Protein backbone atom coordinates (compact mmCIF):
# COMPACT_ATOMS: atom_id res chain seq x y z
CA MET A 1 37.73 21.96 -18.04
CA LYS A 2 35.63 18.83 -17.82
CA LYS A 3 35.25 19.32 -14.09
CA LEU A 4 33.80 22.78 -14.64
CA LYS A 5 31.13 21.41 -17.00
CA PHE A 6 30.29 18.70 -14.45
CA ILE A 7 29.80 21.05 -11.42
CA PRO A 8 26.73 22.94 -12.95
CA VAL A 9 25.13 19.58 -13.85
CA LEU A 10 25.77 18.30 -10.33
CA LEU A 11 24.38 21.52 -8.80
CA LEU A 12 21.29 21.36 -11.03
CA PHE A 13 20.72 17.74 -9.88
CA VAL A 14 21.04 18.63 -6.23
CA LEU A 15 18.61 21.57 -6.63
CA ALA A 16 16.15 19.51 -8.54
CA SER A 17 16.20 16.74 -6.02
CA CYS A 18 15.33 19.23 -3.22
CA ASN A 19 12.32 20.58 -5.19
CA SER A 20 10.93 17.32 -6.53
CA VAL A 21 8.07 15.33 -5.22
CA ARG A 22 8.83 11.68 -4.54
CA VAL A 23 5.89 9.50 -5.57
CA ASN A 24 4.81 5.90 -5.14
CA ALA A 25 1.62 4.01 -5.94
CA ASP A 26 0.12 0.67 -5.07
CA TYR A 27 -3.03 -0.99 -6.47
CA ASP A 28 -5.28 -4.00 -6.49
CA LYS A 29 -4.17 -6.12 -9.40
CA LYS A 30 -7.64 -7.56 -9.79
CA ALA A 31 -9.43 -4.20 -10.14
CA ASN A 32 -10.92 -3.23 -13.51
CA PHE A 33 -9.60 0.35 -13.83
CA ALA A 34 -11.16 0.80 -17.24
CA SER A 35 -14.62 0.60 -15.61
CA TYR A 36 -14.09 3.66 -13.42
CA LYS A 37 -15.38 6.88 -15.03
CA THR A 38 -16.98 8.91 -12.20
CA TYR A 39 -15.87 9.87 -8.72
CA ALA A 40 -16.93 11.67 -5.52
CA TYR A 41 -15.12 12.55 -2.32
CA LEU A 42 -15.49 10.45 0.83
CA LYS A 43 -16.55 13.40 2.93
CA SER A 44 -16.13 11.67 6.26
CA ALA A 45 -12.48 10.93 5.48
CA VAL A 46 -11.74 14.30 4.01
CA ASP A 47 -13.18 16.05 7.04
CA LYS A 48 -10.75 14.19 9.35
CA VAL A 49 -7.64 15.48 7.57
CA GLU A 50 -5.83 17.81 9.97
CA ILE A 51 -4.81 20.62 7.69
CA SER A 52 -6.43 24.03 7.00
CA ASP A 53 -9.64 24.16 5.13
CA LEU A 54 -7.87 26.30 2.46
CA ASP A 55 -5.28 23.65 1.96
CA LYS A 56 -7.99 20.97 1.70
CA LYS A 57 -9.71 23.11 -1.01
CA ARG A 58 -6.38 23.39 -2.90
CA ILE A 59 -5.88 19.66 -2.83
CA LEU A 60 -9.48 18.86 -3.88
CA HIS A 61 -9.43 21.41 -6.69
CA SER A 62 -6.09 19.96 -7.96
CA ILE A 63 -7.56 16.47 -7.84
CA ASP A 64 -10.61 17.69 -9.79
CA ASP A 65 -8.36 19.28 -12.44
CA ALA A 66 -6.12 16.16 -12.75
CA LEU A 67 -9.02 13.71 -12.95
CA ALA A 68 -10.78 15.89 -15.58
CA THR A 69 -7.77 15.57 -17.83
CA LYS A 70 -8.13 11.79 -17.46
CA GLY A 71 -11.81 11.90 -18.54
CA PHE A 72 -13.40 11.55 -15.10
CA THR A 73 -16.51 13.41 -13.98
CA LYS A 74 -17.94 14.07 -10.53
CA SER A 75 -21.17 12.17 -9.82
CA GLU A 76 -23.77 11.62 -7.06
CA THR A 77 -23.52 7.88 -7.92
CA PRO A 78 -19.78 7.51 -8.44
CA ASP A 79 -17.65 4.50 -9.46
CA LEU A 80 -14.84 5.71 -7.20
CA LEU A 81 -14.75 7.36 -3.83
CA ILE A 82 -11.68 9.50 -3.12
CA SER A 83 -10.05 9.93 0.30
CA ILE A 84 -7.04 11.93 1.23
CA PHE A 85 -4.63 11.83 4.17
CA THR A 86 -1.65 13.93 5.01
CA LYS A 87 1.37 13.74 7.28
CA GLU A 88 3.98 16.43 8.09
CA ASN A 89 7.38 16.03 9.65
CA GLN A 90 10.51 18.11 9.95
CA ARG A 91 13.62 17.25 7.90
CA VAL A 92 16.74 18.25 9.76
CA ASP A 93 19.99 18.57 7.73
CA ILE A 94 23.23 19.25 9.59
CA TYR A 95 26.37 20.36 7.78
CA ASN A 96 29.77 20.25 9.57
CA ASN A 97 32.93 22.06 8.53
CA ALA A 98 36.23 21.63 10.23
CA GLY A 99 38.24 24.78 9.65
CA PHE A 100 41.94 24.06 10.08
CA GLY A 101 44.97 23.58 7.89
CA TRP A 102 48.15 25.08 6.62
CA GLY A 103 48.45 27.89 4.14
CA PHE A 104 50.40 30.73 2.62
CA GLY A 105 49.65 34.42 3.17
CA TRP A 106 52.15 37.32 3.10
CA GLY A 107 54.61 34.80 4.42
CA TRP A 108 54.57 31.31 5.68
CA SER A 109 52.20 30.86 8.56
CA PRO A 110 50.20 27.92 9.81
CA TYR A 111 46.67 28.79 10.72
CA MET A 112 43.96 27.10 12.72
CA GLY A 113 40.34 28.01 12.46
CA MET A 114 37.19 27.13 14.21
CA GLY A 115 34.89 24.52 12.68
CA TYR A 116 31.23 25.34 12.37
CA SER A 117 27.97 23.46 12.00
CA SER A 118 24.88 24.66 10.13
CA THR A 119 21.49 23.22 10.87
CA TYR A 120 18.57 23.60 8.46
CA VAL A 121 15.02 22.48 9.38
CA THR A 122 12.67 22.03 6.43
CA PRO A 123 8.98 21.05 6.74
CA GLU A 124 8.23 17.97 4.62
CA GLY A 125 4.78 16.58 3.91
CA THR A 126 3.28 13.41 2.56
CA LEU A 127 -0.04 13.33 0.71
CA TYR A 128 -1.97 10.05 0.22
CA ILE A 129 -4.72 9.83 -2.31
CA ASP A 130 -6.87 6.70 -1.91
CA LEU A 131 -9.34 5.49 -4.58
CA VAL A 132 -12.02 3.26 -3.22
CA ASP A 133 -14.43 1.15 -5.34
CA ALA A 134 -17.81 2.69 -4.54
CA LYS A 135 -19.71 -0.64 -4.84
CA THR A 136 -17.37 -2.96 -2.90
CA LYS A 137 -15.98 -0.25 -0.53
CA GLU A 138 -12.50 -1.69 -1.07
CA LEU A 139 -9.31 0.24 -1.68
CA VAL A 140 -8.30 -0.26 -5.32
CA TRP A 141 -5.51 2.31 -5.65
CA GLN A 142 -3.27 4.40 -3.44
CA GLY A 143 -0.87 7.10 -4.44
CA GLU A 144 1.64 8.78 -2.17
CA GLY A 145 3.75 11.92 -2.72
CA SER A 146 6.37 13.35 -0.39
CA GLY A 147 8.35 16.55 -0.58
CA TYR A 148 9.08 19.85 1.00
CA LEU A 149 6.28 22.15 2.01
CA THR A 150 6.03 25.89 1.72
CA LYS A 151 4.35 28.40 3.94
CA ASP A 152 4.34 31.05 1.20
CA THR A 153 0.70 31.44 0.17
CA GLU A 154 1.69 32.48 -3.40
CA GLN A 155 3.56 29.19 -3.87
CA LYS A 156 1.13 26.86 -2.13
CA ASP A 157 -1.24 26.50 -5.08
CA ALA A 158 1.60 25.49 -7.46
CA ARG A 159 3.28 23.18 -4.92
CA ILE A 160 0.04 21.36 -4.06
CA LYS A 161 -0.84 21.07 -7.75
CA GLU A 162 2.62 19.60 -8.29
CA PHE A 163 2.07 17.04 -5.57
CA VAL A 164 -1.36 15.98 -6.90
CA ASP A 165 -0.32 15.92 -10.62
CA ARG A 166 2.78 13.79 -9.80
CA ILE A 167 0.79 11.40 -7.68
CA LEU A 168 -2.10 10.98 -10.17
CA SER A 169 0.34 10.66 -13.09
CA GLN A 170 0.65 7.07 -11.93
CA TYR A 171 -3.09 6.43 -12.42
CA PRO A 172 -4.30 4.28 -13.94
CA PRO A 173 -1.59 1.68 -13.20
CA VAL A 174 0.17 0.06 -16.10
CA LYS A 175 -0.10 -3.68 -15.63
CA LYS A 176 3.04 -5.56 -16.71
């Protein structure tokens, strides 16, 4: 009975790990993050990102929303410049099954079966969000999020928002 309770929990963990965004952040330990209140996008860097203009808009709108909840405002004279960068790769999972053994049917009979392999290719992406001090032009914080991508237009908004929210949840850094 205990095994039956464990299987749904294990299945939930496996499904959740497939859908989650893995995040990481790094920062300049000497930066004064409390002094940053305004931002603007580094247009030259955003223009170089090799994704569709619609996906760029989705990312930038999600960043605007996330930073607004942190008390930031857009400005012509910003404290921070924001740059983004993306990478995409293909995750390939191969599952093998050897199908042979002994068994009982309507009588005793050994059976042999054919093994099979299943291959699944999933697009994965990484989004980097860089925060650059506007005065010194130095990188002060970088967040990175990786996870599966979707081609479904209906799900893109939610997926991109999840990426951005999870990445920016690590800003400002908590100094230990």
